N, C-alpha and C. Protein backbone atom coordinates (compact mmCIF):
# COMPACT_ATOMS: atom_id res chain seq x y z
N MET A 1 16.07 -12.95 -26.55
CA MET A 1 17.33 -13.68 -26.60
C MET A 1 17.63 -14.01 -28.08
N SER A 2 18.84 -13.73 -28.49
CA SER A 2 19.21 -13.97 -29.86
C SER A 2 19.40 -15.48 -30.12
N ALA A 3 19.35 -15.88 -31.39
CA ALA A 3 19.52 -17.27 -31.78
C ALA A 3 20.87 -17.78 -31.32
N ARG A 4 21.87 -16.94 -31.44
CA ARG A 4 23.25 -17.34 -31.05
C ARG A 4 23.31 -17.65 -29.57
N VAL A 5 22.81 -16.75 -28.74
CA VAL A 5 22.84 -16.92 -27.29
C VAL A 5 22.03 -18.16 -26.91
N LEU A 6 20.87 -18.32 -27.51
CA LEU A 6 20.02 -19.49 -27.21
C LEU A 6 20.75 -20.78 -27.61
N GLY A 7 21.42 -20.78 -28.77
CA GLY A 7 22.14 -21.93 -29.21
C GLY A 7 23.28 -22.30 -28.27
N ILE A 8 24.02 -21.30 -27.87
CA ILE A 8 25.14 -21.53 -26.94
C ILE A 8 24.59 -22.05 -25.61
N ALA A 9 23.51 -21.48 -25.12
CA ALA A 9 22.92 -21.98 -23.87
C ALA A 9 22.45 -23.42 -24.00
N CYS A 10 21.82 -23.76 -25.12
CA CYS A 10 21.38 -25.14 -25.31
C CYS A 10 22.55 -26.10 -25.43
N ALA A 11 23.64 -25.65 -26.08
CA ALA A 11 24.86 -26.48 -26.20
C ALA A 11 25.46 -26.70 -24.84
N ALA A 12 25.55 -25.66 -24.04
CA ALA A 12 26.13 -25.77 -22.71
C ALA A 12 25.29 -26.69 -21.80
N ALA A 13 23.97 -26.53 -21.87
CA ALA A 13 23.07 -27.38 -21.07
C ALA A 13 23.15 -28.84 -21.47
N ALA A 14 23.13 -29.11 -22.78
CA ALA A 14 23.27 -30.48 -23.26
C ALA A 14 24.56 -31.11 -22.86
N PHE A 15 25.64 -30.37 -22.99
CA PHE A 15 26.99 -30.85 -22.66
C PHE A 15 27.05 -31.16 -21.15
N ALA A 16 26.59 -30.22 -20.33
CA ALA A 16 26.65 -30.39 -18.89
C ALA A 16 25.77 -31.58 -18.40
N LEU A 17 24.58 -31.69 -18.91
CA LEU A 17 23.71 -32.81 -18.53
C LEU A 17 24.32 -34.15 -18.98
N ASP A 18 24.85 -34.18 -20.18
CA ASP A 18 25.48 -35.39 -20.67
C ASP A 18 26.65 -35.80 -19.79
N GLN A 19 27.57 -34.86 -19.58
CA GLN A 19 28.77 -35.23 -18.79
C GLN A 19 28.42 -35.54 -17.36
N GLY A 20 27.45 -34.87 -16.80
CA GLY A 20 27.04 -35.16 -15.43
C GLY A 20 26.43 -36.56 -15.29
N THR A 21 25.55 -36.93 -16.22
CA THR A 21 24.94 -38.26 -16.12
C THR A 21 25.96 -39.33 -16.45
N LYS A 22 26.89 -39.06 -17.35
CA LYS A 22 27.95 -40.06 -17.62
C LYS A 22 28.85 -40.25 -16.41
N ALA A 23 29.14 -39.17 -15.70
CA ALA A 23 29.95 -39.31 -14.48
C ALA A 23 29.21 -40.13 -13.41
N LEU A 24 27.91 -39.94 -13.29
CA LEU A 24 27.13 -40.78 -12.38
C LEU A 24 27.15 -42.24 -12.81
N ALA A 25 27.03 -42.46 -14.10
CA ALA A 25 27.01 -43.86 -14.60
C ALA A 25 28.38 -44.51 -14.36
N LEU A 26 29.45 -43.77 -14.63
CA LEU A 26 30.78 -44.31 -14.48
C LEU A 26 31.16 -44.62 -12.99
N ASN A 27 30.51 -43.90 -12.09
CA ASN A 27 30.77 -44.05 -10.68
C ASN A 27 29.75 -44.91 -9.96
N SER A 28 28.96 -45.65 -10.75
CA SER A 28 27.96 -46.57 -10.19
C SER A 28 28.32 -47.99 -10.56
N PRO A 29 29.05 -48.71 -9.64
CA PRO A 29 29.51 -50.07 -9.98
C PRO A 29 28.38 -51.03 -10.33
N GLY A 30 27.20 -50.82 -9.80
CA GLY A 30 26.08 -51.71 -10.05
C GLY A 30 25.61 -51.72 -11.49
N LEU A 31 25.96 -50.68 -12.26
CA LEU A 31 25.51 -50.63 -13.65
C LEU A 31 26.24 -51.59 -14.56
N ALA A 32 27.35 -52.13 -14.12
CA ALA A 32 28.11 -53.08 -14.95
C ALA A 32 27.23 -54.27 -15.32
N GLY A 33 26.41 -54.73 -14.40
CA GLY A 33 25.52 -55.86 -14.70
C GLY A 33 24.13 -55.41 -15.10
N GLY A 34 23.83 -54.12 -15.06
CA GLY A 34 22.54 -53.62 -15.42
C GLY A 34 21.60 -53.50 -14.24
N VAL A 35 20.82 -52.44 -14.24
CA VAL A 35 19.82 -52.23 -13.17
C VAL A 35 18.52 -51.92 -13.82
N GLU A 36 17.50 -52.69 -13.52
CA GLU A 36 16.16 -52.44 -14.11
C GLU A 36 15.53 -51.24 -13.42
N VAL A 37 15.13 -50.29 -14.23
CA VAL A 37 14.46 -49.07 -13.71
C VAL A 37 12.97 -49.15 -13.97
N LEU A 38 12.59 -49.60 -15.14
CA LEU A 38 11.19 -49.81 -15.55
C LEU A 38 11.12 -51.13 -16.27
N PRO A 39 9.93 -51.66 -16.48
CA PRO A 39 9.82 -52.91 -17.24
C PRO A 39 10.34 -52.81 -18.66
N VAL A 40 10.61 -51.64 -19.15
CA VAL A 40 11.13 -51.45 -20.51
C VAL A 40 12.46 -50.72 -20.53
N MET A 41 13.10 -50.52 -19.38
CA MET A 41 14.30 -49.71 -19.34
C MET A 41 15.30 -50.20 -18.25
N ASN A 42 16.52 -50.35 -18.66
CA ASN A 42 17.61 -50.67 -17.75
C ASN A 42 18.66 -49.53 -17.82
N LEU A 43 19.39 -49.41 -16.72
CA LEU A 43 20.61 -48.60 -16.72
C LEU A 43 21.76 -49.60 -16.79
N VAL A 44 22.63 -49.47 -17.76
CA VAL A 44 23.71 -50.41 -17.96
C VAL A 44 24.90 -49.68 -18.54
N LEU A 45 26.09 -49.96 -18.02
CA LEU A 45 27.29 -49.28 -18.49
C LEU A 45 27.83 -49.97 -19.72
N VAL A 46 27.93 -49.23 -20.86
CA VAL A 46 28.41 -49.79 -22.14
C VAL A 46 29.40 -48.79 -22.72
N ARG A 47 30.48 -49.31 -23.32
CA ARG A 47 31.44 -48.46 -24.02
C ARG A 47 31.25 -48.73 -25.51
N ASN A 48 31.00 -47.68 -26.25
CA ASN A 48 30.77 -47.76 -27.71
C ASN A 48 31.94 -47.16 -28.42
N ASP A 49 32.75 -48.01 -29.09
CA ASP A 49 33.90 -47.48 -29.82
C ASP A 49 33.59 -47.29 -31.31
N GLY A 50 32.31 -47.46 -31.68
CA GLY A 50 31.91 -47.20 -33.04
C GLY A 50 31.16 -45.92 -33.14
N VAL A 51 30.34 -45.81 -34.20
CA VAL A 51 29.48 -44.65 -34.39
C VAL A 51 28.07 -45.08 -33.95
N SER A 52 27.06 -44.46 -34.45
CA SER A 52 25.69 -44.78 -34.06
C SER A 52 25.40 -46.26 -34.06
N PHE A 53 24.82 -46.72 -32.97
CA PHE A 53 24.44 -48.13 -32.78
C PHE A 53 25.65 -49.05 -32.84
N GLY A 54 26.84 -48.53 -32.58
CA GLY A 54 28.02 -49.35 -32.53
C GLY A 54 28.56 -49.73 -33.94
N MET A 55 27.98 -49.17 -35.01
CA MET A 55 28.46 -49.47 -36.35
C MET A 55 29.94 -49.06 -36.49
N LEU A 56 30.66 -49.79 -37.23
CA LEU A 56 32.10 -49.54 -37.47
C LEU A 56 32.95 -49.70 -36.25
N GLY A 57 32.41 -50.26 -35.18
CA GLY A 57 33.19 -50.43 -33.95
C GLY A 57 34.45 -51.23 -34.20
N GLY A 58 35.58 -50.68 -33.76
CA GLY A 58 36.85 -51.30 -33.93
C GLY A 58 37.46 -51.17 -35.32
N LEU A 59 36.68 -50.66 -36.29
CA LEU A 59 37.19 -50.55 -37.66
C LEU A 59 37.80 -49.19 -37.94
N VAL A 60 37.28 -48.17 -37.28
CA VAL A 60 37.76 -46.78 -37.48
C VAL A 60 38.45 -46.36 -36.20
N PRO A 61 39.66 -45.80 -36.26
CA PRO A 61 40.34 -45.37 -35.03
C PRO A 61 39.57 -44.24 -34.36
N TRP A 62 39.62 -44.21 -33.05
CA TRP A 62 38.88 -43.25 -32.24
C TRP A 62 39.24 -41.82 -32.66
N TRP A 63 40.49 -41.57 -32.98
CA TRP A 63 40.93 -40.21 -33.31
C TRP A 63 40.31 -39.77 -34.64
N ALA A 64 40.07 -40.68 -35.55
CA ALA A 64 39.44 -40.33 -36.81
C ALA A 64 37.98 -39.89 -36.56
N LEU A 65 37.33 -40.59 -35.64
CA LEU A 65 35.93 -40.21 -35.31
C LEU A 65 35.90 -38.86 -34.64
N VAL A 66 36.94 -38.56 -33.79
CA VAL A 66 37.04 -37.25 -33.14
C VAL A 66 37.23 -36.16 -34.19
N LEU A 67 38.12 -36.39 -35.13
CA LEU A 67 38.38 -35.38 -36.17
C LEU A 67 37.12 -35.14 -37.02
N LEU A 68 36.43 -36.20 -37.41
CA LEU A 68 35.21 -36.07 -38.21
C LEU A 68 34.15 -35.28 -37.40
N ALA A 69 33.91 -35.67 -36.18
CA ALA A 69 32.94 -34.99 -35.34
C ALA A 69 33.30 -33.53 -35.10
N ALA A 70 34.57 -33.24 -34.89
CA ALA A 70 35.03 -31.87 -34.67
C ALA A 70 34.79 -31.01 -35.93
N ALA A 71 35.04 -31.59 -37.10
CA ALA A 71 34.78 -30.87 -38.35
C ALA A 71 33.30 -30.54 -38.52
N ILE A 72 32.46 -31.53 -38.18
CA ILE A 72 31.01 -31.32 -38.25
C ILE A 72 30.59 -30.22 -37.27
N VAL A 73 31.12 -30.28 -36.07
CA VAL A 73 30.80 -29.23 -35.04
C VAL A 73 31.21 -27.86 -35.56
N GLY A 74 32.38 -27.80 -36.22
CA GLY A 74 32.83 -26.53 -36.80
C GLY A 74 31.83 -25.94 -37.80
N VAL A 75 31.34 -26.79 -38.66
CA VAL A 75 30.34 -26.35 -39.65
C VAL A 75 29.05 -25.90 -38.94
N LEU A 76 28.64 -26.66 -37.98
CA LEU A 76 27.41 -26.30 -37.22
C LEU A 76 27.58 -24.98 -36.48
N LEU A 77 28.77 -24.74 -35.94
CA LEU A 77 29.01 -23.47 -35.27
C LEU A 77 28.93 -22.26 -36.21
N ILE A 78 29.44 -22.44 -37.45
CA ILE A 78 29.29 -21.40 -38.45
C ILE A 78 27.83 -21.15 -38.76
N TRP A 79 27.06 -22.23 -38.89
CA TRP A 79 25.61 -22.10 -39.16
C TRP A 79 24.95 -21.37 -38.00
N LEU A 80 25.30 -21.77 -36.77
CA LEU A 80 24.72 -21.12 -35.59
C LEU A 80 25.06 -19.65 -35.56
N TRP A 81 26.28 -19.32 -35.86
CA TRP A 81 26.73 -17.91 -35.84
C TRP A 81 25.94 -17.05 -36.84
N ARG A 82 25.53 -17.68 -37.97
CA ARG A 82 24.85 -16.93 -39.05
C ARG A 82 23.32 -16.91 -38.95
N THR A 83 22.73 -17.82 -38.20
CA THR A 83 21.25 -17.90 -38.22
C THR A 83 20.62 -16.84 -37.36
N PRO A 84 19.54 -16.21 -37.86
CA PRO A 84 18.79 -15.28 -36.99
C PRO A 84 17.61 -15.99 -36.31
N LEU A 85 17.37 -17.29 -36.61
CA LEU A 85 16.17 -17.96 -36.16
C LEU A 85 16.45 -18.68 -34.85
N ARG A 86 15.63 -18.39 -33.86
CA ARG A 86 15.83 -19.00 -32.51
C ARG A 86 15.63 -20.53 -32.54
N LEU A 87 14.64 -21.02 -33.24
CA LEU A 87 14.39 -22.45 -33.30
C LEU A 87 15.60 -23.16 -33.93
N THR A 88 16.15 -22.60 -34.98
CA THR A 88 17.36 -23.15 -35.62
C THR A 88 18.53 -23.08 -34.62
N GLY A 89 18.66 -21.97 -33.88
CA GLY A 89 19.74 -21.81 -32.94
C GLY A 89 19.64 -22.84 -31.84
N ALA A 90 18.41 -23.08 -31.34
CA ALA A 90 18.25 -24.09 -30.28
C ALA A 90 18.58 -25.48 -30.79
N GLY A 91 18.09 -25.81 -31.99
CA GLY A 91 18.38 -27.11 -32.57
C GLY A 91 19.87 -27.33 -32.80
N LEU A 92 20.52 -26.32 -33.34
CA LEU A 92 21.97 -26.43 -33.57
C LEU A 92 22.72 -26.54 -32.24
N GLY A 93 22.30 -25.79 -31.26
CA GLY A 93 22.96 -25.85 -29.94
C GLY A 93 22.85 -27.24 -29.32
N LEU A 94 21.69 -27.87 -29.42
CA LEU A 94 21.53 -29.21 -28.88
C LEU A 94 22.44 -30.22 -29.61
N VAL A 95 22.52 -30.11 -30.93
CA VAL A 95 23.36 -31.01 -31.70
C VAL A 95 24.82 -30.78 -31.33
N ILE A 96 25.23 -29.53 -31.25
CA ILE A 96 26.60 -29.20 -30.91
C ILE A 96 26.98 -29.67 -29.53
N GLY A 97 26.11 -29.43 -28.54
CA GLY A 97 26.38 -29.84 -27.17
C GLY A 97 26.49 -31.34 -27.02
N GLY A 98 25.59 -32.08 -27.70
CA GLY A 98 25.65 -33.52 -27.68
C GLY A 98 26.88 -34.07 -28.36
N ALA A 99 27.22 -33.49 -29.49
CA ALA A 99 28.42 -33.93 -30.24
C ALA A 99 29.67 -33.67 -29.39
N LEU A 100 29.74 -32.54 -28.74
CA LEU A 100 30.91 -32.21 -27.88
C LEU A 100 31.02 -33.15 -26.70
N GLY A 101 29.87 -33.57 -26.18
CA GLY A 101 29.90 -34.52 -25.05
C GLY A 101 30.49 -35.86 -25.48
N ASN A 102 30.09 -36.32 -26.66
CA ASN A 102 30.64 -37.60 -27.15
C ASN A 102 32.07 -37.46 -27.63
N ILE A 103 32.43 -36.29 -28.16
CA ILE A 103 33.84 -36.05 -28.53
C ILE A 103 34.73 -36.12 -27.29
N LEU A 104 34.33 -35.51 -26.22
CA LEU A 104 35.13 -35.56 -25.00
C LEU A 104 35.31 -37.00 -24.53
N ASP A 105 34.24 -37.78 -24.58
CA ASP A 105 34.38 -39.19 -24.20
C ASP A 105 35.39 -39.91 -25.06
N ARG A 106 35.32 -39.68 -26.33
CA ARG A 106 36.30 -40.35 -27.25
C ARG A 106 37.73 -39.95 -26.97
N VAL A 107 37.93 -38.69 -26.63
CA VAL A 107 39.28 -38.21 -26.30
C VAL A 107 39.74 -38.83 -24.97
N ARG A 108 38.85 -38.90 -23.96
CA ARG A 108 39.24 -39.39 -22.66
C ARG A 108 39.31 -40.92 -22.62
N TYR A 109 38.38 -41.62 -23.28
CA TYR A 109 38.27 -43.05 -23.09
C TYR A 109 38.38 -43.86 -24.41
N GLN A 110 38.54 -43.17 -25.52
CA GLN A 110 38.62 -43.79 -26.86
C GLN A 110 37.27 -44.51 -27.19
N ALA A 111 36.25 -44.21 -26.45
CA ALA A 111 34.90 -44.77 -26.73
C ALA A 111 33.91 -43.86 -26.05
N VAL A 112 32.64 -44.01 -26.43
CA VAL A 112 31.57 -43.19 -25.82
C VAL A 112 30.89 -44.04 -24.74
N THR A 113 30.62 -43.37 -23.61
CA THR A 113 29.92 -44.01 -22.53
C THR A 113 28.42 -43.96 -22.74
N ASP A 114 27.78 -45.13 -22.84
CA ASP A 114 26.34 -45.22 -23.00
C ASP A 114 25.77 -45.89 -21.74
N PHE A 115 24.57 -45.61 -21.38
CA PHE A 115 23.99 -46.23 -20.18
C PHE A 115 22.49 -46.39 -20.21
N LEU A 116 21.78 -45.88 -21.19
CA LEU A 116 20.34 -46.04 -21.26
C LEU A 116 20.01 -47.21 -22.20
N ASP A 117 19.33 -48.16 -21.66
CA ASP A 117 18.98 -49.39 -22.39
C ASP A 117 17.48 -49.59 -22.38
N PHE A 118 16.83 -49.30 -23.53
CA PHE A 118 15.38 -49.52 -23.63
C PHE A 118 15.13 -50.81 -24.41
N TYR A 119 14.11 -51.53 -24.00
CA TYR A 119 13.81 -52.82 -24.65
C TYR A 119 12.34 -53.12 -24.59
N LEU A 120 11.96 -54.05 -25.45
CA LEU A 120 10.60 -54.58 -25.48
C LEU A 120 10.75 -56.10 -25.68
N GLY A 121 10.41 -56.83 -24.66
CA GLY A 121 10.61 -58.29 -24.70
C GLY A 121 12.09 -58.58 -24.80
N ALA A 122 12.47 -59.34 -25.82
CA ALA A 122 13.87 -59.70 -25.98
C ALA A 122 14.60 -58.68 -26.90
N TYR A 123 13.87 -57.75 -27.50
CA TYR A 123 14.49 -56.76 -28.38
C TYR A 123 15.01 -55.59 -27.57
N HIS A 124 16.31 -55.29 -27.66
CA HIS A 124 16.95 -54.16 -27.01
C HIS A 124 17.36 -53.14 -28.05
N TRP A 125 16.93 -51.88 -27.84
CA TRP A 125 17.42 -50.81 -28.65
C TRP A 125 18.89 -50.61 -28.26
N PRO A 126 19.79 -50.25 -29.16
CA PRO A 126 21.20 -50.05 -28.76
C PRO A 126 21.28 -48.99 -27.64
N ALA A 127 22.13 -49.26 -26.67
CA ALA A 127 22.29 -48.37 -25.52
C ALA A 127 22.74 -46.97 -26.02
N PHE A 128 22.30 -45.93 -25.34
CA PHE A 128 22.62 -44.58 -25.71
C PHE A 128 22.79 -43.68 -24.47
N ASN A 129 23.03 -42.41 -24.66
CA ASN A 129 23.27 -41.47 -23.56
C ASN A 129 22.52 -40.17 -23.81
N LEU A 130 22.68 -39.19 -22.92
CA LEU A 130 21.95 -37.93 -23.09
C LEU A 130 22.51 -37.09 -24.24
N ALA A 131 23.79 -37.28 -24.58
CA ALA A 131 24.30 -36.60 -25.74
C ALA A 131 23.55 -37.03 -27.01
N ASP A 132 23.29 -38.31 -27.10
CA ASP A 132 22.55 -38.85 -28.23
C ASP A 132 21.14 -38.28 -28.24
N VAL A 133 20.54 -38.17 -27.05
CA VAL A 133 19.19 -37.60 -26.96
C VAL A 133 19.19 -36.14 -27.47
N ALA A 134 20.21 -35.37 -27.05
CA ALA A 134 20.32 -33.98 -27.44
C ALA A 134 20.49 -33.86 -28.98
N VAL A 135 21.32 -34.73 -29.57
CA VAL A 135 21.52 -34.71 -30.99
C VAL A 135 20.20 -35.02 -31.74
N VAL A 136 19.46 -36.01 -31.28
CA VAL A 136 18.20 -36.37 -31.92
C VAL A 136 17.18 -35.24 -31.76
N CYS A 137 17.07 -34.71 -30.58
CA CYS A 137 16.08 -33.59 -30.33
C CYS A 137 16.48 -32.35 -31.16
N GLY A 138 17.75 -32.04 -31.20
CA GLY A 138 18.21 -30.91 -32.02
C GLY A 138 17.91 -31.11 -33.49
N THR A 139 18.15 -32.32 -33.97
CA THR A 139 17.86 -32.63 -35.36
C THR A 139 16.37 -32.52 -35.64
N LEU A 140 15.54 -32.96 -34.72
CA LEU A 140 14.09 -32.85 -34.89
C LEU A 140 13.66 -31.39 -34.93
N LEU A 141 14.26 -30.53 -34.10
CA LEU A 141 13.98 -29.09 -34.15
C LEU A 141 14.37 -28.49 -35.50
N LEU A 142 15.54 -28.90 -36.00
CA LEU A 142 15.95 -28.38 -37.32
C LEU A 142 15.01 -28.84 -38.43
N LEU A 143 14.56 -30.10 -38.37
CA LEU A 143 13.62 -30.57 -39.36
C LEU A 143 12.29 -29.84 -39.24
N ALA A 144 11.80 -29.65 -38.00
CA ALA A 144 10.54 -28.91 -37.81
C ALA A 144 10.66 -27.51 -38.37
N ASP A 145 11.78 -26.85 -38.14
CA ASP A 145 11.97 -25.51 -38.63
C ASP A 145 11.98 -25.50 -40.14
N GLY A 146 12.65 -26.48 -40.73
CA GLY A 146 12.69 -26.57 -42.20
C GLY A 146 11.33 -26.82 -42.77
N MET A 147 10.55 -27.69 -42.13
CA MET A 147 9.20 -27.99 -42.64
C MET A 147 8.29 -26.77 -42.49
N ARG A 148 8.46 -26.03 -41.38
CA ARG A 148 7.65 -24.84 -41.19
C ARG A 148 7.89 -23.85 -42.29
N LYS A 149 9.14 -23.68 -42.66
CA LYS A 149 9.52 -22.72 -43.77
C LYS A 149 8.92 -23.21 -45.08
N ASP A 150 9.00 -24.51 -45.35
CA ASP A 150 8.45 -25.05 -46.56
C ASP A 150 6.94 -24.86 -46.62
N THR A 151 6.26 -25.03 -45.48
CA THR A 151 4.82 -24.85 -45.43
C THR A 151 4.43 -23.42 -45.71
N ARG A 152 5.18 -22.47 -45.16
CA ARG A 152 4.93 -21.04 -45.44
C ARG A 152 5.08 -20.73 -46.88
N LYS A 153 6.14 -21.27 -47.50
CA LYS A 153 6.39 -20.99 -48.94
C LYS A 153 5.26 -21.56 -49.81
N GLN A 154 4.76 -22.75 -49.47
CA GLN A 154 3.67 -23.36 -50.26
C GLN A 154 2.38 -22.63 -50.06
N ALA A 155 2.13 -22.14 -48.82
CA ALA A 155 0.85 -21.54 -48.51
C ALA A 155 0.75 -20.15 -49.14
N GLY A 156 1.78 -19.32 -49.04
CA GLY A 156 1.65 -17.97 -49.52
C GLY A 156 2.75 -17.52 -50.47
N GLY A 157 3.72 -18.36 -50.62
CA GLY A 157 4.79 -18.02 -51.53
C GLY A 157 5.78 -16.98 -50.98
N GLY A 158 5.54 -16.49 -49.77
CA GLY A 158 6.42 -15.44 -49.26
C GLY A 158 6.80 -15.70 -47.83
N PRO A 159 7.49 -14.77 -47.23
CA PRO A 159 7.93 -14.93 -45.86
C PRO A 159 6.75 -14.82 -44.89
N ASP A 160 6.95 -15.32 -43.70
CA ASP A 160 5.98 -15.25 -42.64
C ASP A 160 5.68 -13.75 -42.36
N PRO A 161 4.40 -13.35 -42.35
CA PRO A 161 4.09 -11.93 -42.08
C PRO A 161 4.57 -11.49 -40.71
N ALA A 162 4.79 -12.38 -39.77
CA ALA A 162 5.26 -12.02 -38.46
C ALA A 162 6.77 -11.82 -38.43
N GLY A 163 7.41 -12.06 -39.57
CA GLY A 163 8.86 -11.94 -39.62
C GLY A 163 9.59 -13.24 -39.42
N SER A 164 10.88 -13.21 -39.50
CA SER A 164 11.68 -14.44 -39.40
C SER A 164 11.63 -15.07 -38.03
N GLN A 165 11.20 -14.31 -37.03
CA GLN A 165 11.14 -14.90 -35.68
C GLN A 165 9.75 -15.53 -35.43
N GLY A 166 8.78 -15.19 -36.27
CA GLY A 166 7.46 -15.82 -36.25
C GLY A 166 7.02 -16.39 -34.92
N SER A 167 6.80 -17.71 -34.91
CA SER A 167 6.25 -18.36 -33.71
C SER A 167 7.33 -18.83 -32.80
N GLU A 168 8.52 -18.32 -32.91
CA GLU A 168 9.66 -18.76 -32.08
C GLU A 168 9.79 -17.97 -30.80
N ALA A 169 8.90 -17.09 -30.52
CA ALA A 169 9.00 -16.22 -29.34
C ALA A 169 8.96 -16.98 -28.05
């Protein structure tokens, strides 16, 4: 499977899972008050009109965040189109799919639907959704791929003897 096809598949999967879980959350009236799932996790319906962790909420218009996110997705799509590396393609696909899920929310609701609330004692991590999970996981894959390339360069000064697809099979 080519990096492009893998990236598109990862983007589609991330987008579908995100939108499916958000639809479940939006159609579950009990989440308005929160539902404890584990001693460290609640499901709770939250609307985030800001960026990560609610920063800039109410300060930047929703359409400006949509335009910024769409521009970033455009750049990532160009990168995906050009990369021969499957790990990079998967990482980019996850970031793209997650970003598109949150963009659709902003277009439909002028805010992002979050519903995962993790906490420890009285400290609550800001609520998030599966689009956010996809973006974080994709970013970690991109970082791992970059570190792997740096390690190969330091170790031998040249490309991986197995080729650019190396351990990505």
